Amino acid sequence: QSGRGEPEVKWLLAGASGFLGNALRVRLANEGHEVVRLVRREPATSNEFRWDPYAGEVDPAAFTGVDAVVNLAGVNLLTRRWTTSRREKILASRVASTATLATTLAERAAEYGERPVLVSQSATGYYGTVAGEQPHTEDSPPASDFAAQVCVQWEAQTRPAAEAGLRVVVLRAAPVLHRSGSSFRLMHLAWSCGLGATLGDGKQWMPIIALSDWLGAVRWAADTPHAAGAYNVTIPEPTTNAEFTDELARALHRPRFLAAPEMVLRPALGERVGQMIGDMYVVPKRLTEHGFVFGAPDVRSTVAAALSKD
């Protein structure tokens, strides 16, 4: 905080009620920053502002004095089967929220000046589920599958803000791991009960990132004046699913003797199975080049961070 006791940065969060949004809100508040958030219901406190992303509407007062806008809004990609209606909701929730924020910021860019920065979530799914000999970097083209094309359209909605001269950072994040939420909470429970398993043949590359490093990447994106464009947010020392499950088994003192092949997973998961057993070889080239320091750069430290109570 500054010498006057004022927050260093004022943050506006969209999607603050989810796993990542709640973790970011708590971390920022604990560090002394001011955090306001967008809600679709009637605001209950002075730090909440109403918006309707599907109608393209947001209370302009929400942006007053804001230094960083973080967009985490979007329907969960993996909790339900990808029916036609579910696909539409997955895409629309991301497109509508991002477009509403970027367009509003663009329309008021003259008023805001160079601030705020827009930090928008995306995913390593941008590159698809088929890996080559070389890892995907931010320069790699997008894949053609459903999840990848969602990412393409999701990211495209940030253009109005960038074209208006505002700094825009897109975080192509790997699955974020922590015992408090996300898919890792279920993994932790399964392994604790002795039911953990390698997915597929275990040889596939598996992008992951510790919650602490994801939070650090968001802070870095907001605080770093030269940060702009897309950044892969995944461990710089890639791991396979077998290596990950071995490390999790070691950390929890449980054996790893089960395997869940695709033929078993596909009937239950449908097309989503590709996101779980697909080969995703991705590295954070731009983050590394731009000086971001990972607290958990490999699979062992990431598992340890995910299991911590911090």
Protein backbone atom coordinates (compact mmCIF):
# COMPACT_ATOMS: atom_id res chain seq x y z
CA GLN A 1 0.00 0.00 0.00
CA SER A 2 1.02 3.60 -0.43
CA GLY A 3 2.12 5.83 2.40
CA ARG A 4 -1.38 7.33 2.53
CA GLY A 5 -2.88 3.89 3.13
CA GLU A 6 -4.60 3.83 -0.26
CA PRO A 7 -4.77 0.67 -2.40
CA GLU A 8 -2.03 0.40 -5.00
CA VAL A 9 -4.44 -0.88 -7.64
CA LYS A 10 -8.21 -0.86 -7.95
CA TRP A 11 -9.50 -4.03 -9.59
CA LEU A 12 -12.80 -4.81 -11.30
CA LEU A 13 -13.59 -8.53 -11.54
CA ALA A 14 -16.10 -10.26 -13.79
CA GLY A 15 -16.74 -13.88 -12.82
CA ALA A 16 -15.65 -13.25 -9.24
CA SER A 17 -17.88 -15.96 -7.74
CA GLY A 18 -16.12 -18.89 -9.40
CA PHE A 19 -13.08 -20.82 -8.15
CA LEU A 20 -10.52 -18.53 -9.78
CA GLY A 21 -12.47 -15.33 -9.23
CA ASN A 22 -12.97 -15.98 -5.55
CA ALA A 23 -9.30 -16.90 -5.07
CA LEU A 24 -8.19 -13.73 -6.86
CA ARG A 25 -10.62 -11.53 -4.95
CA VAL A 26 -9.45 -12.88 -1.59
CA ARG A 27 -5.75 -12.59 -2.51
CA LEU A 28 -6.09 -9.01 -3.71
CA ALA A 29 -8.15 -7.94 -0.71
CA ASN A 30 -5.63 -9.51 1.66
CA GLU A 31 -2.87 -7.54 -0.06
CA GLY A 32 -4.71 -4.29 0.56
CA HIS A 33 -6.11 -3.64 -2.91
CA GLU A 34 -9.59 -2.37 -3.57
CA VAL A 35 -11.73 -4.93 -5.39
CA VAL A 36 -15.10 -4.31 -7.00
CA ARG A 37 -17.05 -6.88 -8.96
CA LEU A 38 -19.76 -7.24 -11.54
CA VAL A 39 -22.90 -9.22 -10.63
CA ARG A 40 -25.98 -10.18 -12.61
CA ARG A 41 -28.28 -9.91 -9.60
CA GLU A 42 -29.19 -6.80 -7.66
CA PRO A 43 -26.01 -5.42 -6.02
CA ALA A 44 -25.91 -6.13 -2.29
CA THR A 45 -22.90 -4.03 -1.30
CA SER A 46 -21.15 -0.86 -2.42
CA ASN A 47 -18.40 -2.87 -4.16
CA GLU A 48 -20.86 -4.65 -6.49
CA PHE A 49 -22.19 -3.32 -9.78
CA ARG A 50 -24.93 -4.72 -12.00
CA TRP A 51 -24.30 -5.99 -15.52
CA ASP A 52 -26.09 -8.04 -18.13
CA PRO A 53 -23.40 -9.36 -20.49
CA TYR A 54 -25.91 -11.00 -22.83
CA ALA A 55 -27.60 -7.64 -23.34
CA GLY A 56 -24.27 -5.83 -23.60
CA GLU A 57 -25.09 -3.71 -20.56
CA VAL A 58 -22.86 -2.76 -17.63
CA ASP A 59 -23.12 0.00 -15.02
CA PRO A 60 -20.51 2.58 -16.14
CA ALA A 61 -19.91 3.49 -12.49
CA ALA A 62 -18.18 0.13 -12.10
CA PHE A 63 -15.16 1.46 -14.01
CA THR A 64 -14.63 4.58 -11.89
CA GLY A 65 -11.01 4.76 -10.80
CA VAL A 66 -10.32 1.19 -11.91
CA ASP A 67 -6.76 0.26 -12.90
CA ALA A 68 -7.31 -3.36 -13.97
CA VAL A 69 -10.33 -5.25 -15.31
CA VAL A 70 -10.14 -9.05 -15.07
CA ASN A 71 -12.62 -11.15 -17.04
CA LEU A 72 -13.13 -14.69 -15.73
CA ALA A 73 -16.78 -15.09 -16.71
CA GLY A 74 -17.88 -18.21 -18.55
CA VAL A 75 -19.86 -21.44 -18.20
CA ASN A 76 -17.73 -24.37 -16.99
CA LEU A 77 -16.38 -26.32 -19.95
CA LEU A 78 -16.12 -29.79 -18.40
CA THR A 79 -18.93 -30.32 -15.90
CA ARG A 80 -21.57 -31.49 -18.40
CA ARG A 81 -21.81 -33.25 -21.75
CA TRP A 82 -21.36 -31.05 -24.80
CA THR A 83 -24.89 -31.16 -26.11
CA THR A 84 -25.86 -28.57 -28.70
CA SER A 85 -27.41 -26.33 -26.04
CA ARG A 86 -24.43 -26.73 -23.74
CA ARG A 87 -22.04 -25.79 -26.54
CA GLU A 88 -24.07 -22.66 -27.20
CA LYS A 89 -23.93 -21.67 -23.52
CA ILE A 90 -20.18 -22.32 -23.26
CA LEU A 91 -19.48 -20.09 -26.25
CA ALA A 92 -22.08 -17.40 -25.59
CA SER A 93 -21.07 -16.91 -21.96
CA ARG A 94 -17.48 -16.17 -22.98
CA VAL A 95 -18.22 -14.12 -26.07
CA ALA A 96 -20.91 -11.98 -24.42
CA SER A 97 -18.95 -11.17 -21.26
CA THR A 98 -15.73 -10.33 -23.09
CA ALA A 99 -17.45 -8.31 -25.80
CA THR A 100 -19.41 -6.30 -23.25
CA LEU A 101 -16.32 -5.38 -21.27
CA ALA A 102 -14.08 -4.67 -24.27
CA THR A 103 -16.71 -2.61 -26.10
CA THR A 104 -17.57 -0.58 -23.01
CA LEU A 105 -13.90 0.13 -22.35
CA ALA A 106 -13.38 1.09 -26.00
CA GLU A 107 -16.33 3.47 -25.99
CA ARG A 108 -14.97 5.25 -22.92
CA ALA A 109 -11.27 5.01 -23.79
CA ALA A 110 -10.88 8.78 -24.17
CA GLU A 111 -12.22 9.21 -20.64
CA TYR A 112 -10.08 6.46 -19.12
CA GLY A 113 -6.80 7.22 -20.88
CA GLU A 114 -4.33 4.33 -20.91
CA ARG A 115 -5.98 2.68 -17.93
CA PRO A 116 -7.44 0.27 -17.16
CA VAL A 117 -5.67 -2.78 -18.52
CA LEU A 118 -7.99 -5.61 -19.58
CA VAL A 119 -6.83 -9.07 -18.47
CA SER A 120 -8.98 -11.74 -20.10
CA GLN A 121 -8.88 -15.45 -19.42
CA SER A 122 -8.48 -17.99 -22.22
CA ALA A 123 -7.09 -21.54 -22.20
CA THR A 124 -4.33 -23.79 -23.51
CA GLY A 125 -7.16 -25.62 -25.27
CA TYR A 126 -6.54 -23.02 -28.00
CA TYR A 127 -3.89 -25.40 -29.41
CA GLY A 128 -6.04 -28.53 -29.49
CA THR A 129 -5.34 -32.03 -28.20
CA VAL A 130 -2.78 -33.32 -30.70
CA ALA A 131 0.86 -32.57 -29.94
CA GLY A 132 3.79 -32.54 -32.34
CA GLU A 133 7.48 -32.95 -31.72
CA GLN A 134 7.84 -29.29 -30.75
CA PRO A 135 5.77 -27.64 -28.02
CA HIS A 136 3.09 -25.10 -28.80
CA THR A 137 4.04 -21.50 -28.12
CA GLU A 138 1.99 -18.35 -28.43
CA ASP A 139 2.96 -18.23 -32.11
CA SER A 140 1.36 -21.62 -32.84
CA PRO A 141 -1.94 -21.58 -34.78
CA PRO A 142 -5.23 -22.57 -33.14
CA ALA A 143 -6.71 -26.03 -33.61
CA SER A 144 -10.06 -26.67 -35.26
CA ASP A 145 -11.86 -28.59 -32.50
CA PHE A 146 -14.71 -27.14 -30.46
CA ALA A 147 -12.70 -26.07 -27.40
CA ALA A 148 -10.03 -24.42 -29.55
CA GLN A 149 -12.53 -22.48 -31.62
CA VAL A 150 -14.24 -21.31 -28.44
CA CYS A 151 -10.89 -19.86 -27.38
CA VAL A 152 -10.43 -18.20 -30.77
CA GLN A 153 -13.81 -16.46 -30.61
CA TRP A 154 -13.36 -15.69 -26.90
CA GLU A 155 -10.06 -13.92 -27.49
CA ALA A 156 -11.33 -12.09 -30.56
CA GLN A 157 -13.83 -10.18 -28.44
CA THR A 158 -11.01 -8.24 -26.75
CA ARG A 159 -10.10 -6.44 -30.00
CA PRO A 160 -12.24 -3.31 -29.50
CA ALA A 161 -10.33 -2.46 -26.33
CA ALA A 162 -6.94 -3.06 -27.95
CA GLU A 163 -7.89 -1.08 -31.05
CA ALA A 164 -8.95 1.81 -28.79
CA GLY A 165 -5.42 1.93 -27.38
CA LEU A 166 -5.96 0.08 -24.12
CA ARG A 167 -3.51 -2.58 -23.01
CA VAL A 168 -5.01 -6.07 -23.32
CA VAL A 169 -3.51 -9.27 -21.93
CA VAL A 170 -4.97 -12.69 -22.74
CA LEU A 171 -4.00 -15.56 -20.43
CA ARG A 172 -4.13 -18.94 -22.18
CA ALA A 173 -4.18 -20.83 -18.91
CA ALA A 174 -3.68 -24.52 -18.26
CA PRO A 175 -5.99 -26.21 -15.75
CA VAL A 176 -5.36 -24.40 -12.46
CA LEU A 177 -4.67 -26.74 -9.57
CA HIS A 178 -5.48 -26.28 -5.89
CA ARG A 179 -7.15 -28.41 -3.27
CA SER A 180 -9.79 -25.70 -2.68
CA GLY A 181 -11.47 -26.11 -6.05
CA SER A 182 -11.41 -27.03 -9.73
CA SER A 183 -10.89 -30.58 -10.96
CA PHE A 184 -7.97 -31.04 -8.58
CA ARG A 185 -10.33 -31.18 -5.61
CA LEU A 186 -11.91 -34.32 -7.10
CA MET A 187 -8.48 -35.75 -7.96
CA HIS A 188 -7.35 -35.19 -4.40
CA LEU A 189 -10.42 -36.97 -3.03
CA ALA A 190 -10.06 -39.92 -5.43
CA TRP A 191 -6.37 -40.42 -4.69
CA SER A 192 -6.92 -40.03 -0.95
CA CYS A 193 -9.40 -42.91 -1.19
CA GLY A 194 -6.99 -45.05 -3.21
CA LEU A 195 -8.99 -44.61 -6.41
CA GLY A 196 -6.58 -42.44 -8.38
CA ALA A 197 -5.79 -43.50 -11.93
CA THR A 198 -3.67 -42.66 -14.92
CA LEU A 199 -5.81 -41.30 -17.75
CA GLY A 200 -5.44 -42.95 -21.15
CA ASP A 201 -1.97 -44.40 -21.63
CA GLY A 202 -0.42 -41.67 -19.47
CA LYS A 203 2.09 -40.69 -22.18
CA GLN A 204 0.21 -37.56 -23.21
CA TRP A 205 1.57 -34.13 -22.32
CA MET A 206 -0.54 -32.44 -19.66
CA PRO A 207 -0.47 -28.65 -19.17
CA ILE A 208 -0.97 -27.60 -15.53
CA ILE A 209 -0.39 -24.53 -13.38
CA ALA A 210 -0.52 -24.00 -9.62
CA LEU A 211 -3.13 -21.55 -8.36
CA SER A 212 -0.37 -19.47 -6.78
CA ASP A 213 1.36 -19.07 -10.16
CA TRP A 214 -1.91 -18.29 -11.96
CA LEU A 215 -2.59 -15.57 -9.39
CA GLY A 216 0.95 -14.33 -9.89
CA ALA A 217 0.44 -14.20 -13.65
CA VAL A 218 -2.69 -12.07 -13.26
CA ARG A 219 -0.83 -9.65 -10.98
CA TRP A 220 2.12 -9.57 -13.38
CA ALA A 221 -0.15 -8.87 -16.35
CA ALA A 222 -1.74 -5.91 -14.58
CA ASP A 223 1.49 -4.51 -13.15
CA THR A 224 3.82 -4.91 -16.15
CA PRO A 225 3.54 -1.97 -18.59
CA HIS A 226 5.00 -3.90 -21.54
CA ALA A 227 2.75 -6.95 -21.11
CA ALA A 228 0.27 -7.24 -23.99
CA GLY A 229 -1.21 -9.96 -26.18
CA ALA A 230 -1.47 -13.67 -25.46
CA TYR A 231 0.55 -15.55 -22.85
CA ASN A 232 0.54 -19.28 -22.16
CA VAL A 233 0.17 -19.86 -18.43
CA THR A 234 1.48 -23.37 -17.79
CA ILE A 235 4.54 -24.86 -16.13
CA PRO A 236 7.78 -24.19 -18.04
CA GLU A 237 8.94 -27.78 -17.49
CA PRO A 238 6.17 -29.81 -19.19
CA THR A 239 4.93 -33.08 -17.72
CA THR A 240 2.99 -36.13 -18.85
CA ASN A 241 -0.13 -37.52 -17.22
CA ALA A 242 1.82 -40.53 -15.95
CA GLU A 243 4.46 -38.28 -14.37
CA PHE A 244 1.73 -36.16 -12.80
CA THR A 245 -0.10 -39.15 -11.35
CA ASP A 246 3.16 -40.65 -10.06
CA GLU A 247 3.94 -37.37 -8.30
CA LEU A 248 0.46 -37.09 -6.83
CA ALA A 249 0.64 -40.70 -5.61
CA ARG A 250 4.02 -40.02 -4.00
CA ALA A 251 2.82 -36.83 -2.31
CA LEU A 252 -0.29 -38.53 -0.91
CA HIS A 253 1.51 -41.80 -0.06
CA ARG A 254 -0.88 -43.80 -2.19
CA PRO A 255 -0.14 -46.47 -4.80
CA ARG A 256 -0.73 -45.88 -8.49
CA PHE A 257 -1.99 -49.10 -10.01
CA LEU A 258 -5.26 -48.08 -11.71
CA ALA A 259 -5.66 -46.86 -15.28
CA ALA A 260 -8.67 -45.32 -17.03
CA PRO A 261 -8.38 -46.00 -20.78
CA GLU A 262 -10.27 -43.95 -23.34
CA MET A 263 -12.74 -46.78 -24.02
CA VAL A 264 -13.85 -46.55 -20.38
CA LEU A 265 -13.93 -42.75 -20.18
CA ARG A 266 -15.62 -41.92 -23.48
CA PRO A 267 -19.08 -43.40 -22.73
CA ALA A 268 -19.29 -41.29 -19.57
CA LEU A 269 -17.66 -38.10 -20.84
CA GLY A 270 -18.41 -38.05 -24.54
CA GLU A 271 -16.40 -35.50 -26.54
CA ARG A 272 -15.04 -33.96 -23.33
CA VAL A 273 -12.71 -36.95 -23.00
CA GLY A 274 -10.32 -35.28 -25.43
CA GLN A 275 -9.70 -32.49 -22.92
CA MET A 276 -8.70 -35.08 -20.33
CA ILE A 277 -6.57 -37.51 -22.32
CA GLY A 278 -5.55 -35.35 -25.27
CA ASP A 279 -1.87 -34.67 -25.93
CA MET A 280 -1.29 -30.99 -25.07
CA TYR A 281 2.37 -30.00 -25.35
CA VAL A 282 2.46 -26.30 -24.42
CA VAL A 283 5.15 -24.02 -22.96
CA PRO A 284 4.96 -20.46 -21.57
CA LYS A 285 7.45 -18.96 -24.02
CA ARG A 286 6.42 -15.32 -23.72
CA LEU A 287 6.02 -15.32 -19.93
CA THR A 288 9.49 -16.79 -19.55
CA GLU A 289 11.03 -14.36 -22.04
CA HIS A 290 9.35 -11.40 -20.38
CA GLY A 291 10.76 -12.23 -16.96
CA PHE A 292 7.89 -13.87 -15.09
CA VAL A 293 9.21 -16.08 -12.29
CA PHE A 294 7.29 -19.29 -11.57
CA GLY A 295 7.05 -20.36 -7.96
CA ALA A 296 6.17 -23.90 -9.06
CA PRO A 297 7.92 -24.52 -12.41
CA ASP A 298 7.69 -28.33 -12.55
CA VAL A 299 5.28 -31.12 -11.73
CA ARG A 300 6.63 -31.85 -8.25
CA SER A 301 6.47 -28.26 -7.04
CA THR A 302 3.07 -27.77 -8.71
CA VAL A 303 1.57 -30.78 -6.94
CA ALA A 304 3.08 -29.57 -3.65
CA ALA A 305 1.61 -26.10 -4.17
CA ALA A 306 -1.77 -27.56 -5.10
CA LEU A 307 -1.87 -29.65 -1.95
CA SER A 308 -0.86 -26.77 0.33
CA LYS A 309 -3.45 -25.03 2.46
CA ASP A 310 -2.22 -21.56 1.47
